[in-house]
Amino acid sequence: MRLLLVEDEDRLADILAEGLRHKGYAVDTINDGTKAYTRISLHRNDYDLVILDLMLPGMSGLDICRQMRAEGITIPILVLTARNEEEQKVNLLLAGADDYLVKPFSFEELAARIQAILRRPIESVSTVLRVLDIELDPAEHTVNRDGVPLTLTLKEFGLLEYFLRHPNEVINREDLIVHLWDFNYESFSNVVDVHIKNLRRKLDMGSKPSILETVRGIGYRLRA
């Protein structure tokens, strides 16, 4: 999952980004509202969630919410605000925010709210993903194949979740990078291929035929 964190308090942004990366998210940070809206407009299909501070230079978080929804941008929005007034909360929700968090807050509460938003069904998609004998539960962060629990790293889990949401589709490396790595990713690195190789080894479970195949010159496909 890839998140955009828009926060002008640099120290807070660094702490939150580092914590979220430890949770397995790819995180990009921006400290200016106008630049953030430009990034969102140009990369609207790249982010799974925007974490948006309310008070920003250039363009306020409230205006960003309104403009995103007016432009038909449906990325979920979690707003960070220092104001606890009921009217402000109502305005945020009416502007298109999916949730809000009043400062100061604990990191664990932020992580829980993010998980709750990302767990919400999109087009009635089931919470638990099942393809053939593979079952992945994003909420519980568990994976089983043929009833046998698999131990995956955070990146392997993210890759498998993405493949399970797109069974039988050929997915190129660029799509995987966009959704699972941040803007600091080194384009010439083979880290994607390494993670895919390790994930395939764990999915194969020794005697089982591989369902994660390489489509030469294009990318990868989870055969369902």
Protein backbone atom coordinates (compact mmCIF):
# COMPACT_ATOMS: atom_id res chain seq x y z
CA MET A 1 0.00 0.00 0.00
CA ARG A 2 1.28 3.45 -0.92
CA LEU A 3 0.46 6.52 1.18
CA LEU A 4 0.93 10.25 0.62
CA LEU A 5 1.62 12.15 3.84
CA VAL A 6 1.00 15.90 3.58
CA GLU A 7 2.35 17.57 6.72
CA ASP A 8 4.32 20.84 7.08
CA GLU A 9 5.78 20.03 10.51
CA ASP A 10 8.93 18.34 9.25
CA ARG A 11 9.80 16.52 12.49
CA LEU A 12 6.28 15.11 12.84
CA ALA A 13 6.26 14.11 9.17
CA ASP A 14 9.58 12.28 9.56
CA ILE A 15 8.38 10.40 12.66
CA LEU A 16 5.07 9.38 11.08
CA ALA A 17 6.66 8.36 7.77
CA GLU A 18 9.29 6.24 9.51
CA GLY A 19 6.68 4.53 11.69
CA LEU A 20 4.41 3.81 8.72
CA ARG A 21 7.29 2.37 6.73
CA HIS A 22 7.96 0.00 9.62
CA LYS A 23 4.30 -1.04 9.28
CA GLY A 24 4.99 -2.01 5.67
CA TYR A 25 3.61 1.02 3.82
CA ALA A 26 5.40 2.93 1.08
CA VAL A 27 5.22 6.61 2.10
CA ASP A 28 5.85 9.83 0.17
CA THR A 29 5.89 13.14 2.08
CA ILE A 30 5.09 16.69 0.96
CA ASN A 31 5.02 19.80 3.19
CA ASP A 32 3.08 22.21 0.93
CA GLY A 33 -0.62 22.10 0.07
CA THR A 34 -0.35 23.34 -3.51
CA LYS A 35 2.45 20.90 -4.33
CA ALA A 36 0.47 18.12 -2.68
CA TYR A 37 -2.60 18.76 -4.79
CA THR A 38 -0.47 18.81 -7.95
CA ARG A 39 1.06 15.45 -6.96
CA ILE A 40 -2.39 13.99 -6.23
CA SER A 41 -3.78 15.24 -9.55
CA LEU A 42 -0.89 13.77 -11.55
CA HIS A 43 -0.67 10.49 -9.60
CA ARG A 44 -4.27 9.88 -8.58
CA ASN A 45 -4.02 6.17 -9.39
CA ASP A 46 -0.77 5.66 -7.48
CA TYR A 47 -1.91 6.24 -3.90
CA ASP A 48 -4.13 4.13 -1.67
CA LEU A 49 -4.60 6.83 0.99
CA VAL A 50 -3.78 10.51 1.60
CA ILE A 51 -2.94 11.61 5.15
CA LEU A 52 -3.63 15.33 5.08
CA ASP A 53 -2.80 18.02 7.63
CA LEU A 54 -5.49 20.69 7.82
CA MET A 55 -3.27 23.77 8.16
CA LEU A 56 -0.82 23.89 5.26
CA PRO A 57 1.06 26.57 3.32
CA GLY A 58 -0.13 27.16 -0.22
CA MET A 59 -3.47 25.36 -0.05
CA SER A 60 -5.38 24.22 3.04
CA GLY A 61 -6.24 20.61 3.72
CA LEU A 62 -9.94 21.48 3.58
CA ASP A 63 -9.57 23.03 0.11
CA ILE A 64 -7.58 20.01 -1.06
CA CYS A 65 -10.39 17.72 0.11
CA ARG A 66 -13.03 19.74 -1.69
CA GLN A 67 -11.02 20.04 -4.88
CA MET A 68 -10.17 16.33 -4.96
CA ARG A 69 -13.81 15.32 -4.68
CA ALA A 70 -14.90 17.98 -7.18
CA GLU A 71 -12.41 16.53 -9.67
CA GLY A 72 -13.69 13.01 -9.06
CA ILE A 73 -10.55 11.85 -7.24
CA THR A 74 -11.71 9.07 -4.92
CA ILE A 75 -8.51 8.31 -2.96
CA PRO A 76 -9.44 7.93 0.74
CA ILE A 77 -8.46 10.92 2.89
CA LEU A 78 -7.52 10.93 6.57
CA VAL A 79 -7.25 14.50 7.90
CA LEU A 80 -4.98 15.53 10.78
CA THR A 81 -6.33 18.57 12.63
CA ALA A 82 -5.49 20.53 15.76
CA ARG A 83 -9.10 21.74 16.01
CA ASN A 84 -11.62 19.70 17.94
CA GLU A 85 -14.77 21.75 17.27
CA GLU A 86 -17.82 19.82 16.10
CA GLU A 87 -18.46 22.26 13.24
CA GLN A 88 -14.93 21.73 11.92
CA LYS A 89 -15.36 17.94 11.99
CA VAL A 90 -18.67 18.20 10.14
CA ASN A 91 -17.10 20.48 7.50
CA LEU A 92 -14.26 18.00 6.95
CA LEU A 93 -16.63 15.09 6.41
CA LEU A 94 -18.88 17.13 4.12
CA ALA A 95 -15.81 18.19 2.13
CA GLY A 96 -15.01 14.56 1.39
CA ALA A 97 -12.68 13.40 4.17
CA ASP A 98 -13.12 9.74 5.10
CA ASP A 99 -11.95 10.25 8.67
CA TYR A 100 -10.11 12.74 10.86
CA LEU A 101 -7.70 12.56 13.78
CA VAL A 102 -7.31 15.37 16.33
CA LYS A 103 -3.77 16.33 17.38
CA PRO A 104 -2.08 15.26 19.57
CA PHE A 105 -2.66 11.58 18.78
CA SER A 106 -0.80 8.33 19.33
CA PHE A 107 0.91 6.64 16.41
CA GLU A 108 -0.98 3.41 17.13
CA GLU A 109 -4.30 5.23 16.78
CA LEU A 110 -3.17 6.66 13.45
CA ALA A 111 -2.13 3.19 12.26
CA ALA A 112 -5.47 1.74 13.37
CA ARG A 113 -7.45 4.44 11.57
CA ILE A 114 -5.45 3.90 8.38
CA GLN A 115 -6.06 0.17 8.55
CA ALA A 116 -9.80 0.73 9.15
CA ILE A 117 -10.10 3.02 6.12
CA LEU A 118 -8.15 0.68 3.84
CA ARG A 119 -10.27 -2.23 5.04
CA ARG A 120 -13.49 -0.61 3.88
CA PRO A 121 -15.01 -2.46 0.93
CA ILE A 122 -14.54 -1.00 -2.54
CA GLU A 123 -17.21 -2.16 -4.99
CA SER A 124 -18.19 -4.86 -2.47
CA VAL A 125 -14.78 -6.53 -2.53
CA SER A 126 -14.49 -9.22 0.15
CA THR A 127 -12.27 -8.39 3.11
CA VAL A 128 -10.55 -11.79 2.93
CA LEU A 129 -8.94 -12.48 -0.45
CA ARG A 130 -9.15 -16.02 -1.83
CA VAL A 131 -7.67 -17.33 -5.06
CA LEU A 132 -7.52 -21.10 -5.55
CA ASP A 133 -6.13 -22.47 -2.27
CA ILE A 134 -4.51 -19.18 -1.19
CA GLU A 135 -6.27 -17.13 1.48
CA LEU A 136 -5.05 -13.70 2.62
CA ASP A 137 -6.61 -11.64 5.40
CA PRO A 138 -5.40 -8.00 5.23
CA ALA A 139 -6.91 -7.14 8.62
CA GLU A 140 -5.29 -10.02 10.49
CA HIS A 141 -2.20 -9.91 8.26
CA THR A 142 -2.29 -13.69 7.74
CA VAL A 143 -1.74 -15.88 4.68
CA ASN A 144 -2.55 -19.56 4.21
CA ARG A 145 -2.07 -21.88 1.28
CA ASP A 146 -4.03 -25.12 1.38
CA GLY A 147 -4.57 -24.49 5.08
CA VAL A 148 -0.86 -24.09 5.82
CA PRO A 149 0.16 -20.70 7.32
CA LEU A 150 2.86 -18.83 5.39
CA THR A 151 5.34 -16.43 6.97
CA LEU A 152 5.88 -13.45 4.67
CA THR A 153 7.83 -10.23 5.00
CA LEU A 154 5.88 -6.96 4.80
CA LYS A 155 6.85 -6.42 1.15
CA GLU A 156 6.05 -10.04 0.23
CA PHE A 157 2.65 -9.66 1.89
CA GLY A 158 2.00 -6.45 -0.05
CA LEU A 159 3.01 -8.07 -3.33
CA LEU A 160 0.79 -11.09 -2.75
CA GLU A 161 -2.17 -8.91 -1.78
CA TYR A 162 -1.75 -6.93 -5.00
CA PHE A 163 -1.55 -10.10 -7.11
CA LEU A 164 -4.62 -11.57 -5.38
CA ARG A 165 -6.58 -8.42 -6.21
CA HIS A 166 -5.58 -8.83 -9.87
CA PRO A 167 -5.63 -12.60 -10.57
CA ASN A 168 -4.69 -13.73 -14.08
CA GLU A 169 -3.58 -10.20 -15.00
CA VAL A 170 -0.06 -9.61 -16.26
CA ILE A 171 1.40 -6.97 -13.93
CA ASN A 172 4.56 -5.16 -14.95
CA ARG A 173 7.33 -4.13 -12.58
CA GLU A 174 6.41 -0.45 -12.90
CA ASP A 175 2.90 -1.11 -11.52
CA LEU A 176 4.37 -2.97 -8.55
CA ILE A 177 6.85 -0.18 -7.89
CA VAL A 178 4.13 2.47 -8.06
CA HIS A 179 1.90 0.71 -5.54
CA LEU A 180 4.44 -0.73 -3.13
CA TRP A 181 7.50 1.55 -3.17
CA ASP A 182 7.87 5.28 -2.63
CA PHE A 183 9.50 7.95 -4.82
CA ASN A 184 12.93 7.17 -3.36
CA TYR A 185 12.98 3.79 -5.10
CA GLU A 186 16.06 3.28 -7.26
CA SER A 187 14.73 2.42 -10.70
CA PHE A 188 17.78 0.34 -11.61
CA SER A 189 17.57 -1.81 -8.49
CA ASN A 190 16.54 -5.48 -8.77
CA VAL A 191 14.82 -5.42 -5.37
CA VAL A 192 11.41 -6.16 -6.95
CA ASP A 193 12.75 -9.30 -8.64
CA VAL A 194 14.34 -10.45 -5.37
CA HIS A 195 11.07 -10.07 -3.45
CA ILE A 196 9.15 -11.86 -6.22
CA LYS A 197 11.65 -14.74 -6.16
CA ASN A 198 11.32 -15.11 -2.39
CA LEU A 199 7.52 -14.89 -2.52
CA ARG A 200 7.37 -17.53 -5.27
CA ARG A 201 9.57 -19.87 -3.22
CA LYS A 202 7.26 -19.56 -0.21
CA LEU A 203 4.10 -20.00 -2.28
CA ASP A 204 5.41 -23.08 -4.05
CA MET A 205 5.74 -24.99 -0.75
CA GLY A 206 8.20 -27.44 -2.26
CA SER A 207 6.10 -29.85 -4.29
CA LYS A 208 3.34 -27.47 -5.39
CA PRO A 209 3.58 -26.09 -8.95
CA SER A 210 4.27 -22.36 -9.06
CA ILE A 211 1.23 -20.18 -9.66
CA LEU A 212 3.29 -16.98 -9.73
CA GLU A 213 4.80 -16.95 -13.19
CA THR A 214 7.18 -14.63 -15.00
CA VAL A 215 5.90 -13.28 -18.32
CA ARG A 216 9.17 -12.66 -20.11
CA GLY A 217 9.76 -9.06 -21.09
CA ILE A 218 6.52 -7.85 -19.45
CA GLY A 219 6.12 -8.75 -15.78
CA TYR A 220 4.41 -11.33 -13.57
CA ARG A 221 1.05 -13.10 -13.33
CA LEU A 222 -0.74 -15.02 -10.58
CA ARG A 223 -2.36 -17.87 -12.48
CA ALA A 224 -5.84 -18.56 -11.14
